[in-house]
């Protein structure tokens, strides 16, 4: 069924809202200095590997480059997963992290004790998981590791939460080998974000449906 222009715009707005929420969570992970989330361990590894030779690179630019490569690969594998919102996620994810980092860096790193940093990291995990489910259920596209996990989950008919863990562990392994920062936050993210997102998914689907006027019930 073809969507109206109004519904397409509404879904893109929901996607962008979810993208902002998810990357707020990612930024909290990064700023606690307890280890980046899995995808950004991979991005950090690439950034640290190539930035000495390419001075123009930032974390955000590296993020965009990786996302473009993933999109090109999926265009060959199965282009049906690439939507207009996918491009939004891939292009704006890195700059959003840079924006939130500049906004929150002084606050998060203002001499907080370890316990507060752990709590900040846990909050980042929940925020990231919730934001990414809004992005997924907007059905307008999704971000890089979510996209990879969604494709594999669909192709193999396996639970999204489990596949997301496997994808995240692979990103961590490669990123760590390239010099990405791995810590307790990375472990928490790799093994917790997928299952937490799995819990949020049905509620986010109902929330998105209500906001689009496609349903009335929430529970």
N, C-alpha and C. Protein backbone atom coordinates (compact mmCIF):
# COMPACT_ATOMS: atom_id res chain seq x y z
N UNK A 1 0.83 -1.19 0.00
CA UNK A 1 0.00 0.00 0.00
C UNK A 1 0.88 1.25 0.00
N UNK A 2 0.60 2.14 -0.97
CA UNK A 2 1.40 3.35 -1.10
C UNK A 2 1.03 4.35 -0.02
N UNK A 3 2.06 4.94 0.61
CA UNK A 3 1.81 5.91 1.67
C UNK A 3 1.60 7.30 1.11
N UNK A 4 0.78 8.07 1.82
CA UNK A 4 0.59 9.46 1.43
C UNK A 4 1.83 10.27 1.80
N UNK A 5 1.95 11.45 1.19
CA UNK A 5 3.07 12.33 1.51
C UNK A 5 3.04 12.71 2.98
N UNK A 6 1.82 12.95 3.51
CA UNK A 6 1.67 13.33 4.92
C UNK A 6 2.19 12.23 5.84
N UNK A 7 1.83 10.96 5.55
CA UNK A 7 2.28 9.86 6.40
C UNK A 7 3.78 9.65 6.27
N UNK A 8 4.32 9.81 5.07
CA UNK A 8 5.76 9.66 4.87
C UNK A 8 6.52 10.69 5.69
N UNK A 9 6.05 11.93 5.66
CA UNK A 9 6.70 13.00 6.43
C UNK A 9 6.60 12.71 7.92
N UNK A 10 5.43 12.24 8.37
CA UNK A 10 5.22 11.92 9.79
C UNK A 10 6.17 10.81 10.24
N UNK A 11 6.34 9.79 9.39
CA UNK A 11 7.25 8.69 9.73
C UNK A 11 8.69 9.17 9.79
N UNK A 12 9.07 10.05 8.89
CA UNK A 12 10.43 10.59 8.90
C UNK A 12 10.68 11.45 10.14
N UNK A 13 9.66 12.21 10.56
CA UNK A 13 9.79 13.02 11.78
C UNK A 13 9.95 12.12 13.00
N UNK A 14 9.17 11.02 13.04
CA UNK A 14 9.31 10.06 14.13
C UNK A 14 10.69 9.41 14.12
N UNK A 15 11.16 9.07 12.93
CA UNK A 15 12.49 8.49 12.80
C UNK A 15 13.55 9.45 13.33
N UNK A 16 13.45 10.72 12.95
CA UNK A 16 14.46 11.68 13.38
C UNK A 16 14.40 11.89 14.89
N UNK A 17 13.19 11.88 15.46
CA UNK A 17 13.06 11.99 16.92
C UNK A 17 13.72 10.80 17.60
N UNK A 18 13.46 9.59 17.08
CA UNK A 18 14.09 8.39 17.62
C UNK A 18 15.60 8.43 17.46
N UNK A 19 16.06 8.97 16.33
CA UNK A 19 17.49 9.08 16.07
C UNK A 19 18.16 9.99 17.10
N UNK A 20 17.51 11.11 17.40
CA UNK A 20 18.05 12.04 18.41
C UNK A 20 18.11 11.36 19.78
N UNK A 21 17.05 10.64 20.14
CA UNK A 21 17.01 9.96 21.44
C UNK A 21 18.11 8.90 21.51
N UNK A 22 18.21 8.08 20.46
CA UNK A 22 19.20 7.00 20.45
C UNK A 22 20.62 7.55 20.54
N UNK A 23 20.90 8.61 19.83
CA UNK A 23 22.26 9.15 19.84
C UNK A 23 22.58 9.97 21.08
N UNK A 24 21.54 10.39 21.79
CA UNK A 24 21.77 10.93 23.13
C UNK A 24 22.30 9.82 24.02
N UNK A 25 21.70 8.62 23.90
CA UNK A 25 22.18 7.46 24.65
C UNK A 25 23.59 7.09 24.26
N UNK A 26 23.90 7.10 22.96
CA UNK A 26 25.25 6.78 22.49
C UNK A 26 26.26 7.77 23.07
N UNK A 27 25.90 9.05 23.07
CA UNK A 27 26.80 10.08 23.59
C UNK A 27 27.08 9.88 25.07
N UNK A 28 26.05 9.50 25.83
CA UNK A 28 26.25 9.23 27.26
C UNK A 28 27.24 8.09 27.45
N UNK A 29 27.12 7.06 26.61
CA UNK A 29 28.09 5.96 26.66
C UNK A 29 29.50 6.48 26.44
N UNK A 30 29.67 7.26 25.39
CA UNK A 30 31.00 7.74 25.02
C UNK A 30 31.60 8.64 26.11
N UNK A 31 30.78 9.49 26.71
CA UNK A 31 31.28 10.48 27.66
C UNK A 31 31.60 9.90 29.04
N UNK A 32 31.07 8.72 29.36
CA UNK A 32 31.40 8.13 30.66
C UNK A 32 32.84 7.59 30.66
N UNK A 33 33.42 7.47 29.47
CA UNK A 33 34.78 6.92 29.35
C UNK A 33 34.89 5.52 29.94
N UNK A 34 33.78 4.78 29.88
CA UNK A 34 33.77 3.40 30.36
C UNK A 34 33.70 2.42 29.18
N UNK A 35 33.97 2.93 28.00
CA UNK A 35 33.91 2.11 26.80
C UNK A 35 32.76 2.54 25.92
N UNK A 36 33.00 2.65 24.63
CA UNK A 36 31.97 3.07 23.69
C UNK A 36 30.97 1.95 23.44
N UNK A 37 29.81 2.30 22.88
CA UNK A 37 28.87 1.27 22.44
C UNK A 37 29.51 0.53 21.26
N UNK A 38 29.04 -0.69 20.95
CA UNK A 38 29.73 -1.54 19.97
C UNK A 38 30.01 -0.90 18.62
N UNK A 39 29.01 -0.25 18.03
CA UNK A 39 29.25 0.34 16.71
C UNK A 39 30.31 1.42 16.77
N UNK A 40 30.29 2.21 17.85
CA UNK A 40 31.26 3.28 17.95
C UNK A 40 32.64 2.80 18.38
N UNK A 41 32.74 1.59 18.95
CA UNK A 41 34.05 0.97 19.14
C UNK A 41 34.66 0.72 17.76
N UNK A 42 33.84 0.21 16.86
CA UNK A 42 34.26 -0.04 15.49
C UNK A 42 34.67 1.26 14.79
N UNK A 43 33.83 2.30 14.95
CA UNK A 43 34.12 3.60 14.34
C UNK A 43 35.39 4.20 14.94
N UNK A 44 35.53 4.10 16.27
CA UNK A 44 36.74 4.61 16.93
C UNK A 44 37.99 3.91 16.42
N UNK A 45 37.89 2.60 16.26
CA UNK A 45 39.03 1.84 15.76
C UNK A 45 39.45 2.31 14.38
N UNK A 46 38.47 2.49 13.50
CA UNK A 46 38.78 3.00 12.15
C UNK A 46 39.34 4.42 12.22
N UNK A 47 38.74 5.25 13.07
CA UNK A 47 39.19 6.64 13.21
C UNK A 47 40.64 6.70 13.68
N UNK A 48 40.97 5.91 14.68
CA UNK A 48 42.34 5.92 15.22
C UNK A 48 43.34 5.32 14.24
N UNK A 49 42.85 4.42 13.38
CA UNK A 49 43.73 3.81 12.40
C UNK A 49 44.06 4.78 11.25
N UNK A 50 43.04 5.52 10.80
CA UNK A 50 43.22 6.33 9.60
C UNK A 50 43.43 7.83 9.85
N UNK A 51 43.07 8.33 11.04
CA UNK A 51 43.19 9.77 11.29
C UNK A 51 44.62 10.30 11.22
N UNK A 52 45.67 9.51 11.58
CA UNK A 52 47.03 10.03 11.42
C UNK A 52 47.38 10.35 9.97
N UNK A 53 46.70 9.68 9.04
CA UNK A 53 46.99 9.89 7.62
C UNK A 53 45.99 10.84 6.97
N UNK A 54 44.77 10.92 7.56
CA UNK A 54 43.71 11.78 7.02
C UNK A 54 43.28 12.77 8.11
N UNK A 55 43.98 13.90 8.18
CA UNK A 55 43.77 14.85 9.27
C UNK A 55 42.36 15.44 9.29
N UNK A 56 41.67 15.40 8.14
CA UNK A 56 40.34 15.99 8.06
C UNK A 56 39.30 15.16 8.81
N UNK A 57 39.62 13.91 9.13
CA UNK A 57 38.67 13.01 9.77
C UNK A 57 38.29 13.48 11.18
N UNK A 58 37.02 13.31 11.53
CA UNK A 58 36.55 13.39 12.91
C UNK A 58 35.81 12.09 13.18
N UNK A 59 35.42 11.87 14.43
CA UNK A 59 34.63 10.68 14.74
C UNK A 59 33.35 10.69 13.91
N UNK A 60 32.71 11.87 13.83
CA UNK A 60 31.46 11.98 13.07
C UNK A 60 31.62 11.66 11.60
N UNK A 61 32.70 12.18 10.97
CA UNK A 61 32.94 11.91 9.55
C UNK A 61 33.23 10.43 9.31
N UNK A 62 33.96 9.81 10.25
CA UNK A 62 34.25 8.38 10.13
C UNK A 62 32.95 7.58 10.22
N UNK A 63 32.07 8.00 11.14
CA UNK A 63 30.75 7.38 11.32
C UNK A 63 29.98 7.41 10.00
N UNK A 64 29.95 8.57 9.35
CA UNK A 64 29.23 8.72 8.09
C UNK A 64 29.81 7.80 7.02
N UNK A 65 31.13 7.76 6.94
CA UNK A 65 31.80 6.94 5.92
C UNK A 65 31.45 5.46 6.07
N UNK A 66 31.50 4.97 7.31
CA UNK A 66 31.16 3.57 7.57
C UNK A 66 29.71 3.29 7.17
N UNK A 67 28.83 4.22 7.53
CA UNK A 67 27.40 4.06 7.21
C UNK A 67 27.16 4.01 5.71
N UNK A 68 27.85 4.86 4.97
CA UNK A 68 27.71 4.86 3.50
C UNK A 68 28.15 3.53 2.92
N UNK A 69 29.25 2.98 3.43
CA UNK A 69 29.74 1.68 2.95
C UNK A 69 28.71 0.59 3.23
N UNK A 70 28.12 0.60 4.45
CA UNK A 70 27.09 -0.39 4.80
C UNK A 70 25.90 -0.28 3.86
N UNK A 71 25.49 0.95 3.57
CA UNK A 71 24.37 1.16 2.65
C UNK A 71 24.68 0.62 1.26
N UNK A 72 25.89 0.85 0.78
CA UNK A 72 26.27 0.37 -0.55
C UNK A 72 26.27 -1.15 -0.61
N UNK A 73 26.75 -1.79 0.46
CA UNK A 73 26.75 -3.25 0.52
C UNK A 73 25.31 -3.78 0.49
N UNK A 74 24.44 -3.15 1.28
CA UNK A 74 23.05 -3.62 1.33
C UNK A 74 22.29 -3.33 0.05
N UNK A 75 22.67 -2.31 -0.67
CA UNK A 75 22.05 -2.06 -1.98
C UNK A 75 22.32 -3.22 -2.93
N UNK A 76 23.47 -3.88 -2.75
CA UNK A 76 23.81 -5.05 -3.56
C UNK A 76 23.11 -6.30 -3.02
N UNK A 77 23.10 -6.44 -1.68
CA UNK A 77 22.53 -7.65 -1.06
C UNK A 77 21.01 -7.66 -1.14
N UNK A 78 20.37 -6.58 -0.69
CA UNK A 78 18.90 -6.49 -0.70
C UNK A 78 18.50 -5.03 -0.53
N UNK A 79 18.26 -4.36 -1.63
CA UNK A 79 18.00 -2.92 -1.60
C UNK A 79 16.67 -2.55 -0.96
N UNK A 80 15.80 -3.55 -0.71
CA UNK A 80 14.50 -3.25 -0.11
C UNK A 80 14.62 -2.69 1.30
N UNK A 81 15.77 -2.93 1.96
CA UNK A 81 15.96 -2.45 3.31
C UNK A 81 16.44 -1.00 3.35
N UNK A 82 16.85 -0.47 2.21
CA UNK A 82 17.35 0.90 2.15
C UNK A 82 16.19 1.84 1.82
N UNK A 83 15.84 2.69 2.77
CA UNK A 83 14.75 3.65 2.59
C UNK A 83 15.30 5.05 2.80
N UNK A 84 14.46 6.04 2.55
CA UNK A 84 14.92 7.43 2.68
C UNK A 84 15.40 7.71 4.10
N UNK A 85 14.72 7.11 5.09
CA UNK A 85 15.12 7.30 6.48
C UNK A 85 16.45 6.66 6.81
N UNK A 86 16.81 5.62 6.05
CA UNK A 86 18.12 4.98 6.24
C UNK A 86 19.22 5.99 5.95
N UNK A 87 19.03 6.74 4.88
CA UNK A 87 20.02 7.77 4.51
C UNK A 87 20.10 8.82 5.61
N UNK A 88 18.94 9.22 6.16
CA UNK A 88 18.91 10.20 7.25
C UNK A 88 19.72 9.68 8.44
N UNK A 89 19.47 8.42 8.82
CA UNK A 89 20.18 7.82 9.96
C UNK A 89 21.68 7.77 9.71
N UNK A 90 22.06 7.33 8.53
CA UNK A 90 23.47 7.12 8.23
C UNK A 90 24.24 8.44 8.16
N UNK A 91 23.61 9.47 7.59
CA UNK A 91 24.31 10.74 7.38
C UNK A 91 24.33 11.60 8.63
N UNK A 92 23.24 11.58 9.40
CA UNK A 92 23.14 12.50 10.54
C UNK A 92 23.58 11.90 11.87
N UNK A 93 23.76 10.57 11.94
CA UNK A 93 24.13 9.95 13.21
C UNK A 93 25.41 10.50 13.80
N UNK A 94 26.47 10.54 13.00
CA UNK A 94 27.76 11.04 13.49
C UNK A 94 27.71 12.49 13.94
N UNK A 95 27.20 13.40 13.11
CA UNK A 95 27.09 14.80 13.55
C UNK A 95 26.23 15.01 14.79
N UNK A 96 25.18 14.18 14.98
CA UNK A 96 24.36 14.29 16.19
C UNK A 96 25.21 13.94 17.42
N UNK A 97 26.04 12.91 17.30
CA UNK A 97 26.94 12.55 18.40
C UNK A 97 27.89 13.71 18.69
N UNK A 98 28.46 14.31 17.64
CA UNK A 98 29.35 15.46 17.83
C UNK A 98 28.62 16.60 18.53
N UNK A 99 27.34 16.84 18.16
CA UNK A 99 26.54 17.91 18.77
C UNK A 99 26.30 17.65 20.25
N UNK A 100 25.84 16.44 20.59
CA UNK A 100 25.57 16.11 21.99
C UNK A 100 26.85 16.07 22.82
N UNK A 101 27.95 15.65 22.19
CA UNK A 101 29.23 15.62 22.91
C UNK A 101 29.63 17.03 23.35
N UNK A 102 29.55 17.98 22.43
CA UNK A 102 29.89 19.37 22.76
C UNK A 102 28.96 19.93 23.83
N UNK A 103 27.69 19.50 23.80
CA UNK A 103 26.69 20.01 24.72
C UNK A 103 26.84 19.43 26.13
N UNK A 104 27.21 18.15 26.23
CA UNK A 104 27.17 17.44 27.50
C UNK A 104 28.53 17.09 28.09
N UNK A 105 29.59 17.30 27.33
CA UNK A 105 30.91 16.84 27.75
C UNK A 105 31.32 17.38 29.12
N UNK A 106 31.16 18.67 29.34
CA UNK A 106 31.57 19.27 30.61
C UNK A 106 30.75 18.74 31.78
N UNK A 107 29.46 18.51 31.54
CA UNK A 107 28.56 18.04 32.61
C UNK A 107 28.90 16.60 33.02
N UNK A 108 29.02 15.72 32.02
CA UNK A 108 29.26 14.31 32.31
C UNK A 108 30.65 14.09 32.90
N UNK A 109 31.63 14.86 32.46
CA UNK A 109 33.01 14.67 32.91
C UNK A 109 33.43 15.69 33.97
N UNK A 110 32.49 16.09 34.80
CA UNK A 110 32.79 17.11 35.82
C UNK A 110 33.17 16.46 37.16
N UNK A 111 34.02 15.46 37.10
CA UNK A 111 34.50 14.81 38.32
C UNK A 111 33.50 13.87 38.95
N UNK A 112 32.60 13.30 38.14
CA UNK A 112 31.62 12.37 38.68
C UNK A 112 32.30 11.10 39.20
N UNK A 113 31.88 10.58 40.35
CA UNK A 113 32.44 9.33 40.85
C UNK A 113 32.04 8.16 39.95
N UNK A 114 32.71 7.04 40.14
CA UNK A 114 32.50 5.87 39.30
C UNK A 114 31.05 5.41 39.31
N UNK A 115 30.41 5.41 40.47
CA UNK A 115 29.02 4.95 40.57
C UNK A 115 28.10 5.80 39.71
N UNK A 116 28.31 7.12 39.73
CA UNK A 116 27.49 8.02 38.92
C UNK A 116 27.71 7.75 37.43
N UNK A 117 28.95 7.46 37.07
CA UNK A 117 29.25 7.16 35.68
C UNK A 117 28.57 5.86 35.24
N UNK A 118 28.54 4.87 36.14
CA UNK A 118 27.84 3.62 35.83
C UNK A 118 26.35 3.88 35.63
N UNK A 119 25.76 4.71 36.49
CA UNK A 119 24.34 5.04 36.36
C UNK A 119 24.08 5.81 35.06
N UNK A 120 25.00 6.70 34.71
CA UNK A 120 24.88 7.44 33.46
C UNK A 120 24.95 6.48 32.27
N UNK A 121 25.84 5.50 32.37
CA UNK A 121 25.97 4.51 31.32
C UNK A 121 24.69 3.67 31.19
N UNK A 122 24.13 3.27 32.34
CA UNK A 122 22.89 2.48 32.32
C UNK A 122 21.75 3.29 31.70
N UNK A 123 21.70 4.58 32.05
CA UNK A 123 20.68 5.46 31.46
C UNK A 123 20.88 5.55 29.95
N UNK A 124 22.15 5.65 29.53
CA UNK A 124 22.45 5.69 28.10
C UNK A 124 21.98 4.44 27.39
N UNK A 125 22.13 3.29 28.05
CA UNK A 125 21.70 2.01 27.48
C UNK A 125 20.20 2.01 27.22
N UNK A 126 19.43 2.43 28.22
CA UNK A 126 17.96 2.44 28.10
C UNK A 126 17.52 3.46 27.05
N UNK A 127 18.13 4.65 27.09
CA UNK A 127 17.78 5.70 26.13
C UNK A 127 18.09 5.26 24.70
N UNK A 128 19.27 4.66 24.52
CA UNK A 128 19.65 4.15 23.20
C UNK A 128 18.67 3.09 22.72
N UNK A 129 18.35 2.14 23.58
CA UNK A 129 17.44 1.05 23.20
C UNK A 129 16.06 1.58 22.82
N UNK A 130 15.54 2.53 23.61
CA UNK A 130 14.23 3.10 23.31
C UNK A 130 14.25 3.88 22.01
N UNK A 131 15.26 4.72 21.84
CA UNK A 131 15.35 5.52 20.62
C UNK A 131 15.43 4.68 19.37
N UNK A 132 16.23 3.61 19.43
CA UNK A 132 16.40 2.78 18.24
C UNK A 132 15.11 2.02 17.89
N UNK A 133 14.29 1.68 18.91
CA UNK A 133 13.02 1.01 18.59
C UNK A 133 12.04 1.97 17.92
N UNK A 134 12.09 3.25 18.31
CA UNK A 134 11.25 4.25 17.64
C UNK A 134 11.68 4.37 16.18
N UNK A 135 13.00 4.38 15.96
CA UNK A 135 13.52 4.46 14.59
C UNK A 135 13.07 3.25 13.78
N UNK A 136 13.23 2.05 14.35
CA UNK A 136 12.86 0.83 13.63
C UNK A 136 11.37 0.80 13.32
N UNK A 137 10.54 1.14 14.31
CA UNK A 137 9.09 1.05 14.13
C UNK A 137 8.49 2.22 13.34
N UNK A 138 9.28 3.25 13.09
CA UNK A 138 8.80 4.30 12.20
C UNK A 138 8.66 3.76 10.78
N UNK A 139 9.36 2.65 10.51
CA UNK A 139 9.36 1.98 9.22
C UNK A 139 9.75 2.93 8.09
N UNK A 140 10.69 3.83 8.41
CA UNK A 140 11.17 4.77 7.40
C UNK A 140 12.66 4.56 7.14
N UNK A 141 13.24 3.58 7.81
CA UNK A 141 14.67 3.33 7.71
C UNK A 141 15.24 3.10 9.10
N UNK A 142 16.53 2.79 9.19
CA UNK A 142 17.13 2.58 10.51
C UNK A 142 18.64 2.80 10.44
N UNK A 143 19.29 2.75 11.62
CA UNK A 143 20.71 3.02 11.70
C UNK A 143 21.57 1.82 11.34
N UNK A 144 22.90 1.98 11.38
CA UNK A 144 23.81 0.96 10.83
C UNK A 144 23.76 -0.41 11.47
N UNK A 145 24.07 -0.53 12.79
CA UNK A 145 24.06 -1.87 13.38
C UNK A 145 22.65 -2.41 13.53
N UNK A 146 21.68 -1.51 13.75
CA UNK A 146 20.27 -1.96 13.77
C UNK A 146 19.88 -2.52 12.41
N UNK A 147 20.31 -1.84 11.36
CA UNK A 147 19.98 -2.27 10.00
C UNK A 147 20.58 -3.64 9.70
N UNK A 148 21.83 -3.83 10.04
CA UNK A 148 22.49 -5.12 9.83
C UNK A 148 21.75 -6.21 10.61
N UNK A 149 21.41 -5.91 11.88
CA UNK A 149 20.71 -6.89 12.72
C UNK A 149 19.32 -7.20 12.19
N UNK A 150 18.60 -6.17 11.72
CA UNK A 150 17.26 -6.37 11.17
C UNK A 150 17.31 -7.26 9.93
N UNK A 151 18.26 -6.99 9.04
CA UNK A 151 18.39 -7.79 7.81
C UNK A 151 18.68 -9.25 8.14
N UNK A 152 19.66 -9.49 9.01
CA UNK A 152 20.01 -10.87 9.37
C UNK A 152 18.86 -11.56 10.10
N UNK A 153 18.22 -10.81 11.02
CA UNK A 153 17.08 -11.36 11.76
C UNK A 153 15.96 -11.78 10.81
N UNK A 154 15.66 -10.94 9.83
CA UNK A 154 14.61 -11.27 8.85
C UNK A 154 15.00 -12.45 7.97
N UNK A 155 16.23 -12.43 7.50
CA UNK A 155 16.67 -13.48 6.57
C UNK A 155 16.73 -14.85 7.25
N UNK A 156 17.14 -14.87 8.53
CA UNK A 156 17.28 -16.14 9.25
C UNK A 156 16.08 -16.47 10.13
N UNK A 157 15.12 -15.54 10.20
CA UNK A 157 13.93 -15.71 11.05
C UNK A 157 14.32 -16.02 12.50
N UNK A 158 15.23 -15.18 13.03
CA UNK A 158 15.70 -15.32 14.40
C UNK A 158 15.36 -14.05 15.18
N UNK A 159 15.23 -14.15 16.52
CA UNK A 159 14.86 -12.98 17.33
C UNK A 159 15.84 -11.83 17.17
N UNK A 160 15.31 -10.62 17.04
CA UNK A 160 16.15 -9.44 16.83
C UNK A 160 17.15 -9.26 17.96
N UNK A 161 16.70 -9.43 19.23
CA UNK A 161 17.59 -9.22 20.37
C UNK A 161 18.84 -10.08 20.32
N UNK A 162 18.67 -11.36 19.95
CA UNK A 162 19.80 -12.29 19.86
C UNK A 162 20.75 -11.88 18.73
N UNK A 163 20.19 -11.58 17.56
CA UNK A 163 21.02 -11.20 16.41
C UNK A 163 21.76 -9.90 16.69
N UNK A 164 21.09 -8.97 17.39
CA UNK A 164 21.75 -7.69 17.71
C UNK A 164 22.98 -7.94 18.60
N UNK A 165 22.88 -8.87 19.53
CA UNK A 165 24.04 -9.20 20.38
C UNK A 165 25.19 -9.72 19.52
N UNK A 166 24.90 -10.64 18.60
CA UNK A 166 25.94 -11.21 17.74
C UNK A 166 26.59 -10.13 16.89
N UNK A 167 25.77 -9.26 16.30
CA UNK A 167 26.29 -8.17 15.46
C UNK A 167 27.17 -7.25 16.30
N UNK A 168 26.70 -6.90 17.50
CA UNK A 168 27.46 -6.00 18.37
C UNK A 168 28.80 -6.61 18.78
N UNK A 169 28.80 -7.89 19.10
CA UNK A 169 30.05 -8.56 19.50
C UNK A 169 31.05 -8.53 18.34
N UNK A 170 30.57 -8.72 17.12
CA UNK A 170 31.46 -8.67 15.95
C UNK A 170 32.04 -7.27 15.77
N UNK A 171 31.21 -6.23 15.93
CA UNK A 171 31.70 -4.85 15.83
C UNK A 171 32.76 -4.58 16.90
N UNK A 172 32.51 -5.07 18.12
CA UNK A 172 33.46 -4.86 19.22
C UNK A 172 34.79 -5.54 18.92
N UNK A 173 34.74 -6.78 18.46
CA UNK A 173 35.97 -7.54 18.20
C UNK A 173 36.83 -6.85 17.14
N UNK A 174 36.20 -6.42 16.05
CA UNK A 174 36.96 -5.76 14.97
C UNK A 174 37.45 -4.39 15.44
N UNK A 175 36.56 -3.64 16.10
CA UNK A 175 36.94 -2.31 16.57
C UNK A 175 38.07 -2.35 17.58
N UNK A 176 38.02 -3.31 18.50
CA UNK A 176 39.07 -3.45 19.52
C UNK A 176 40.41 -3.77 18.85
N UNK A 177 40.35 -4.66 17.84
CA UNK A 177 41.58 -5.02 17.13
C UNK A 177 42.21 -3.80 16.44
N UNK A 178 41.37 -2.82 16.08
CA UNK A 178 41.85 -1.61 15.40
C UNK A 178 42.19 -0.49 16.38
N UNK A 179 41.94 -0.71 17.68
CA UNK A 179 42.30 0.30 18.67
C UNK A 179 41.15 1.05 19.27
N UNK A 180 39.92 0.57 19.07
CA UNK A 180 38.76 1.22 19.69
C UNK A 180 38.73 1.02 21.19
N UNK A 181 38.09 1.94 21.91
CA UNK A 181 38.03 1.88 23.38
C UNK A 181 36.99 0.88 23.84
N UNK A 182 37.43 -0.14 24.57
CA UNK A 182 36.52 -1.16 25.10
C UNK A 182 36.59 -1.13 26.62
N UNK A 183 35.44 -1.15 27.27
CA UNK A 183 35.39 -1.15 28.73
C UNK A 183 34.11 -1.79 29.22
N UNK A 184 33.80 -1.59 30.48
CA UNK A 184 32.59 -2.18 31.04
C UNK A 184 31.34 -1.70 30.32
N UNK A 185 31.39 -0.45 29.85
CA UNK A 185 30.25 0.09 29.11
C UNK A 185 30.02 -0.63 27.80
N UNK A 186 31.09 -1.04 27.15
CA UNK A 186 30.97 -1.78 25.90
C UNK A 186 30.30 -3.13 26.15
N UNK A 187 30.72 -3.80 27.21
CA UNK A 187 30.14 -5.12 27.54
C UNK A 187 28.66 -4.98 27.86
N UNK A 188 28.32 -3.97 28.67
CA UNK A 188 26.92 -3.74 29.01
C UNK A 188 26.11 -3.48 27.76
N UNK A 189 26.64 -2.63 26.88
CA UNK A 189 25.93 -2.29 25.66
C UNK A 189 25.75 -3.50 24.75
N UNK A 190 26.84 -4.25 24.54
CA UNK A 190 26.80 -5.38 23.61
C UNK A 190 25.78 -6.44 24.02
N UNK A 191 25.66 -6.68 25.33
CA UNK A 191 24.80 -7.77 25.79
C UNK A 191 23.45 -7.30 26.34
N UNK A 192 23.25 -5.97 26.44
CA UNK A 192 22.02 -5.49 27.06
C UNK A 192 21.13 -4.69 26.13
N UNK A 193 21.72 -3.90 25.22
CA UNK A 193 20.92 -3.03 24.36
C UNK A 193 19.95 -3.84 23.50
N UNK A 194 20.42 -4.93 22.89
CA UNK A 194 19.55 -5.75 22.06
C UNK A 194 18.34 -6.28 22.80
N UNK A 195 18.55 -6.98 23.94
CA UNK A 195 17.40 -7.49 24.70
C UNK A 195 16.49 -6.39 25.23
N UNK A 196 17.06 -5.26 25.70
CA UNK A 196 16.21 -4.15 26.17
C UNK A 196 15.38 -3.60 25.02
N UNK A 197 16.00 -3.48 23.85
CA UNK A 197 15.26 -3.04 22.67
C UNK A 197 14.15 -4.03 22.33
N UNK A 198 14.42 -5.33 22.50
CA UNK A 198 13.40 -6.34 22.25
C UNK A 198 12.19 -6.16 23.15
N UNK A 199 12.42 -5.69 24.38
CA UNK A 199 11.32 -5.41 25.31
C UNK A 199 10.54 -4.19 24.86
N UNK A 200 11.28 -3.16 24.39
CA UNK A 200 10.65 -1.90 23.98
C UNK A 200 9.88 -2.03 22.66
N UNK A 201 10.31 -2.92 21.77
CA UNK A 201 9.79 -2.97 20.41
C UNK A 201 8.26 -3.00 20.30
N UNK A 202 7.56 -3.91 21.01
CA UNK A 202 6.10 -3.93 20.85
C UNK A 202 5.42 -2.65 21.35
N UNK A 203 5.95 -2.05 22.42
CA UNK A 203 5.38 -0.81 22.94
C UNK A 203 5.66 0.36 22.00
N UNK A 204 6.85 0.36 21.42
CA UNK A 204 7.19 1.42 20.47
C UNK A 204 6.33 1.30 19.22
N UNK A 205 6.04 0.07 18.81
CA UNK A 205 5.19 -0.13 17.64
C UNK A 205 3.80 0.45 17.88
N UNK A 206 3.25 0.21 19.07
CA UNK A 206 1.93 0.74 19.40
C UNK A 206 1.96 2.25 19.54
N UNK A 207 3.05 2.78 20.12
CA UNK A 207 3.20 4.22 20.27
C UNK A 207 3.27 4.89 18.90
N UNK A 208 4.08 4.35 18.01
CA UNK A 208 4.20 4.91 16.66
C UNK A 208 2.87 4.84 15.93
N UNK A 209 2.16 3.71 16.07
CA UNK A 209 0.85 3.56 15.42
C UNK A 209 -0.14 4.62 15.91
N UNK A 210 -0.13 4.87 17.21
CA UNK A 210 -1.03 5.90 17.77
C UNK A 210 -0.68 7.28 17.25
N UNK A 211 0.62 7.57 17.23
CA UNK A 211 1.04 8.89 16.77
C UNK A 211 0.73 9.12 15.29
N UNK A 212 0.71 8.02 14.52
CA UNK A 212 0.36 8.11 13.11
C UNK A 212 -1.12 7.98 12.86
N UNK A 213 -1.88 7.77 13.94
CA UNK A 213 -3.33 7.64 13.80
C UNK A 213 -3.75 6.31 13.21
N UNK A 214 -2.89 5.29 13.39
CA UNK A 214 -3.18 3.97 12.83
C UNK A 214 -3.72 2.99 13.85
N UNK A 215 -3.81 3.41 15.11
CA UNK A 215 -4.31 2.54 16.16
C UNK A 215 -4.71 3.36 17.38
N UNK A 216 -5.41 2.73 18.31
CA UNK A 216 -5.89 3.45 19.49
C UNK A 216 -5.37 2.87 20.79
N UNK A 217 -5.15 1.52 20.81
CA UNK A 217 -4.72 0.90 22.05
C UNK A 217 -3.22 1.02 22.26
N UNK A 218 -2.80 1.08 23.53
CA UNK A 218 -1.36 1.10 23.82
C UNK A 218 -0.94 -0.19 24.47
N UNK A 219 -1.69 -0.65 25.45
CA UNK A 219 -1.38 -1.90 26.11
C UNK A 219 -2.25 -3.02 25.53
